[in-house]
């Protein structure tokens, strides 16, 4: 039983984040330096913080595209590969019944990335392709989350996530270099993605212990950091073609 001075609503909230034994350690025994409980608490807070942030992380990117009515500088191939990696992570983690706090951002990023892919195609004048993409993707996603997809397939798809993430970001990085600017990429989105992927290394280790998932976020962090560095490098560069 938790300390009597702890309000019921606070105890309920804490139980959502940490086990009852940790509430006892932290609030009854006042053992605030209990390493395991602190690791669990930090991991959960970080995890849900990442999920909360991910619910809007690509909104600045979406808004920037809509206002400009252009997706200039954004590689459709890079976006589709990123969407593939996000989808694989979601399907794999969901099938393994990992805590939602360990992968929940994939759900929100999935919809936002799919929206960006649609807009890139749409603003390139490929309206039929944009609609067709949404239909095909919805069908694939439904299958992967239906429970009918074998775990061996999901594991293989997830294992492909590391090279997929790396290739998707390299495509964007090369496009940025060739253009001499970052086009309609949103700095807010890029920096938040980088910070989120770095934090996910710790939460994945703490909550799943899945080496495949952890390595995926290590690679993702490095790849996102590359794009973030380009954002800084090209910060004051106007959207003009790079001189040959």
Protein backbone atom coordinates (compact mmCIF):
# COMPACT_ATOMS: atom_id res chain seq x y z
CA UNK A 1 0.00 0.00 0.00
CA UNK A 2 1.35 3.42 -0.96
CA UNK A 3 1.96 6.21 1.53
CA UNK A 4 -1.26 7.65 2.94
CA UNK A 5 -0.29 11.17 1.89
CA UNK A 6 -0.29 10.18 -1.79
CA UNK A 7 -3.57 11.20 -3.50
CA UNK A 8 -5.42 8.36 -5.20
CA UNK A 9 -5.19 10.05 -8.60
CA UNK A 10 -1.41 10.36 -8.27
CA UNK A 11 -1.06 6.74 -7.24
CA UNK A 12 -3.13 5.69 -10.26
CA UNK A 13 -0.95 7.80 -12.52
CA UNK A 14 2.23 6.34 -11.07
CA UNK A 15 0.90 2.80 -11.49
CA UNK A 16 0.52 3.63 -15.16
CA UNK A 17 4.25 4.36 -15.27
CA UNK A 18 5.89 2.10 -12.69
CA UNK A 19 5.03 -1.11 -10.79
CA UNK A 20 3.59 -0.96 -7.28
CA UNK A 21 6.88 -2.14 -5.79
CA UNK A 22 8.56 1.00 -7.13
CA UNK A 23 5.87 3.21 -5.64
CA UNK A 24 6.66 1.57 -2.32
CA UNK A 25 10.38 2.15 -2.78
CA UNK A 26 10.09 5.76 -3.89
CA UNK A 27 7.18 7.05 -1.80
CA UNK A 28 7.01 4.81 1.26
CA UNK A 29 10.66 3.96 1.83
CA UNK A 30 11.79 7.27 0.30
CA UNK A 31 14.49 5.38 -1.56
CA UNK A 32 14.58 7.96 -4.33
CA UNK A 33 17.88 6.66 -5.66
CA UNK A 34 16.62 3.14 -6.33
CA UNK A 35 18.35 2.54 -9.66
CA UNK A 36 15.97 0.04 -11.23
CA UNK A 37 12.87 2.03 -10.33
CA UNK A 38 14.41 5.24 -11.60
CA UNK A 39 15.34 3.54 -14.87
CA UNK A 40 11.78 2.29 -15.30
CA UNK A 41 10.32 5.70 -14.47
CA UNK A 42 12.68 7.59 -16.78
CA UNK A 43 12.08 5.12 -19.58
CA UNK A 44 8.30 5.37 -19.28
CA UNK A 45 8.32 9.17 -19.07
CA UNK A 46 10.65 9.39 -22.05
CA UNK A 47 8.59 6.85 -23.96
CA UNK A 48 5.29 8.63 -23.50
CA UNK A 49 7.00 11.97 -24.04
CA UNK A 50 8.28 10.72 -27.39
CA UNK A 51 4.81 9.46 -28.29
CA UNK A 52 3.26 12.80 -27.36
CA UNK A 53 5.84 14.68 -29.39
CA UNK A 54 5.52 12.30 -32.32
CA UNK A 55 1.82 13.05 -32.59
CA UNK A 56 2.77 16.45 -33.99
CA UNK A 57 6.44 16.00 -34.96
CA UNK A 58 5.77 16.11 -38.71
CA UNK A 59 2.95 18.64 -38.57
CA UNK A 60 5.40 21.52 -39.22
CA UNK A 61 6.57 19.64 -42.32
CA UNK A 62 3.00 19.10 -43.49
CA UNK A 63 2.13 22.76 -42.91
CA UNK A 64 5.23 23.92 -44.76
CA UNK A 65 4.32 21.82 -47.80
CA UNK A 66 0.68 22.93 -47.78
CA UNK A 67 1.50 26.63 -47.44
CA UNK A 68 4.11 26.47 -50.19
CA UNK A 69 1.91 24.16 -52.27
CA UNK A 70 5.18 22.50 -53.11
CA UNK A 71 7.25 19.56 -51.90
CA UNK A 72 10.43 20.83 -53.54
CA UNK A 73 13.55 19.28 -52.12
CA UNK A 74 11.75 16.31 -50.57
CA UNK A 75 12.63 12.97 -52.11
CA UNK A 76 9.58 10.75 -52.60
CA UNK A 77 11.85 7.71 -52.55
CA UNK A 78 13.31 8.77 -49.23
CA UNK A 79 9.84 9.36 -47.78
CA UNK A 80 8.56 5.98 -48.97
CA UNK A 81 11.58 4.16 -47.56
CA UNK A 82 11.15 5.96 -44.24
CA UNK A 83 7.47 4.99 -44.23
CA UNK A 84 8.48 1.39 -44.88
CA UNK A 85 10.84 1.39 -41.90
CA UNK A 86 8.21 2.96 -39.61
CA UNK A 87 5.59 0.45 -40.74
CA UNK A 88 7.94 -2.48 -40.13
CA UNK A 89 8.75 -1.23 -36.63
CA UNK A 90 5.08 -0.81 -35.76
CA UNK A 91 4.05 -4.23 -37.08
CA UNK A 92 6.98 -6.03 -35.43
CA UNK A 93 6.54 -4.35 -32.05
CA UNK A 94 2.76 -4.80 -32.07
CA UNK A 95 3.07 -8.49 -32.91
CA UNK A 96 5.59 -8.96 -30.08
CA UNK A 97 3.18 -7.26 -27.67
CA UNK A 98 5.78 -4.77 -26.50
CA UNK A 99 4.55 -1.95 -24.23
CA UNK A 100 2.93 0.82 -26.25
CA UNK A 101 5.34 3.26 -24.61
CA UNK A 102 8.18 1.45 -26.41
CA UNK A 103 6.94 2.01 -29.95
CA UNK A 104 3.77 4.12 -29.92
CA UNK A 105 5.30 6.99 -31.85
CA UNK A 106 5.48 4.74 -34.90
CA UNK A 107 1.67 4.82 -35.12
CA UNK A 108 1.50 8.62 -35.24
CA UNK A 109 4.54 9.01 -37.48
CA UNK A 110 3.09 6.45 -39.84
CA UNK A 111 0.02 8.56 -40.61
CA UNK A 112 2.02 11.77 -40.89
CA UNK A 113 4.65 10.24 -43.16
CA UNK A 114 1.96 8.69 -45.35
CA UNK A 115 0.34 12.13 -45.61
CA UNK A 116 3.66 13.66 -46.67
CA UNK A 117 4.17 10.95 -49.30
CA UNK A 118 0.67 11.66 -50.63
CA UNK A 119 1.35 15.40 -50.79
CA UNK A 120 4.72 14.97 -52.50
CA UNK A 121 3.04 12.96 -55.25
CA UNK A 122 0.03 15.27 -55.38
CA UNK A 123 2.05 18.47 -55.71
CA UNK A 124 4.15 16.84 -58.40
CA UNK A 125 0.93 16.58 -60.38
CA UNK A 126 0.69 12.80 -59.96
CA UNK A 127 -2.83 12.82 -58.56
CA UNK A 128 -3.78 9.28 -59.59
CA UNK A 129 -0.53 7.92 -58.18
CA UNK A 130 -1.17 9.75 -54.90
CA UNK A 131 -4.61 8.17 -54.49
CA UNK A 132 -3.33 4.77 -55.60
CA UNK A 133 -0.54 4.97 -53.06
CA UNK A 134 -2.99 5.52 -50.20
CA UNK A 135 -5.10 2.55 -51.26
CA UNK A 136 -2.17 0.17 -51.62
CA UNK A 137 -0.57 1.28 -48.39
CA UNK A 138 -3.81 0.89 -46.42
CA UNK A 139 -4.13 -2.68 -47.71
CA UNK A 140 -0.54 -3.58 -46.80
CA UNK A 141 -0.82 -2.03 -43.34
CA UNK A 142 -4.08 -3.85 -42.64
CA UNK A 143 -2.46 -7.18 -43.48
CA UNK A 144 0.64 -6.59 -41.35
CA UNK A 145 -1.44 -5.65 -38.30
CA UNK A 146 -4.15 -8.26 -38.82
CA UNK A 147 -2.32 -11.08 -37.08
CA UNK A 148 -2.23 -13.11 -40.29
CA UNK A 149 1.33 -12.10 -41.17
CA UNK A 150 3.79 -14.73 -39.84
CA UNK A 151 6.29 -13.56 -37.23
CA UNK A 152 9.14 -14.72 -39.44
CA UNK A 153 7.99 -12.26 -42.10
CA UNK A 154 7.63 -9.42 -39.62
CA UNK A 155 11.08 -10.11 -38.15
CA UNK A 156 12.62 -10.15 -41.62
CA UNK A 157 10.89 -6.91 -42.56
CA UNK A 158 12.01 -5.28 -39.34
CA UNK A 159 15.58 -6.48 -39.84
CA UNK A 160 15.53 -4.71 -43.19
CA UNK A 161 14.67 -1.52 -41.31
CA UNK A 162 18.28 -0.56 -40.63
CA UNK A 163 19.44 -0.44 -44.26
CA UNK A 164 16.08 1.01 -45.29
CA UNK A 165 16.39 3.88 -42.80
CA UNK A 166 19.98 4.49 -43.80
CA UNK A 167 19.21 4.48 -47.52
CA UNK A 168 16.15 6.71 -47.09
CA UNK A 169 18.15 9.35 -45.24
CA UNK A 170 21.10 9.09 -47.62
CA UNK A 171 18.77 9.70 -50.56
CA UNK A 172 17.52 12.85 -48.85
CA UNK A 173 21.05 13.90 -47.87
CA UNK A 174 22.29 13.48 -51.45
CA UNK A 175 19.29 15.42 -52.75
CA UNK A 176 20.08 18.24 -50.31
CA UNK A 177 23.71 18.29 -51.39
CA UNK A 178 22.89 18.36 -55.09
CA UNK A 179 20.37 21.16 -54.61
CA UNK A 180 22.59 23.12 -52.29
CA UNK A 181 19.69 23.63 -49.87
CA UNK A 182 17.16 21.62 -47.86
CA UNK A 183 14.09 22.76 -49.78
CA UNK A 184 10.80 22.36 -47.93
CA UNK A 185 12.29 20.25 -45.14
CA UNK A 186 11.19 21.50 -41.73
CA UNK A 187 14.01 22.14 -39.27
CA UNK A 188 11.66 21.56 -36.32
CA UNK A 189 10.67 18.15 -37.65
CA UNK A 190 14.25 17.12 -38.42
CA UNK A 191 15.61 18.11 -35.01
CA UNK A 192 12.73 16.50 -33.10
CA UNK A 193 13.12 13.27 -35.06
CA UNK A 194 16.82 13.21 -34.20
CA UNK A 195 16.24 13.76 -30.49
CA UNK A 196 13.42 11.23 -30.42
CA UNK A 197 15.42 8.48 -32.08
CA UNK A 198 18.33 9.03 -29.68
CA UNK A 199 16.00 8.77 -26.67
CA UNK A 200 14.48 5.61 -28.14
CA UNK A 201 17.81 3.80 -27.83
CA UNK A 202 17.50 3.96 -24.04
CA UNK A 203 13.79 3.20 -23.85
CA UNK A 204 14.10 0.24 -26.23
CA UNK A 205 16.91 -1.21 -24.15
CA UNK A 206 14.98 -0.69 -20.93
CA UNK A 207 11.54 -1.86 -22.04
CA UNK A 208 12.20 -4.55 -24.65
CA UNK A 209 15.85 -5.59 -24.56
CA UNK A 210 15.38 -6.37 -28.26
CA UNK A 211 18.80 -5.91 -29.87
CA UNK A 212 17.26 -5.65 -33.33
CA UNK A 213 14.99 -2.82 -32.22
CA UNK A 214 17.84 -1.07 -30.40
CA UNK A 215 20.18 -1.23 -33.39
CA UNK A 216 17.43 0.13 -35.62
CA UNK A 217 17.22 3.24 -33.45
CA UNK A 218 21.02 3.56 -33.33
CA UNK A 219 21.12 3.62 -37.13
CA UNK A 220 18.10 5.92 -37.25
CA UNK A 221 19.76 8.35 -34.83
CA UNK A 222 22.92 8.52 -36.93
CA UNK A 223 20.94 9.00 -40.15
CA UNK A 224 18.70 11.69 -38.66
CA UNK A 225 21.75 13.45 -37.24
CA UNK A 226 23.20 13.69 -40.76
CA UNK A 227 20.09 15.48 -42.04
CA UNK A 228 20.09 17.71 -38.94
CA UNK A 229 23.69 18.71 -39.66
CA UNK A 230 22.70 19.59 -43.21
CA UNK A 231 19.88 21.75 -41.88
CA UNK A 232 22.45 23.70 -39.88
CA UNK A 233 24.93 23.85 -42.78
CA UNK A 234 22.36 25.15 -45.27
CA UNK A 235 20.49 27.27 -42.73
CA UNK A 236 20.87 30.59 -44.54
CA UNK A 237 20.94 29.22 -48.07
CA UNK A 238 18.05 30.21 -50.33
CA UNK A 239 16.30 27.62 -52.47
CA UNK A 240 18.40 28.06 -55.58
CA UNK A 241 20.06 25.31 -57.57
CA UNK A 242 23.61 24.59 -56.52
CA UNK A 243 26.17 26.02 -58.89
CA UNK A 244 27.82 23.43 -61.07
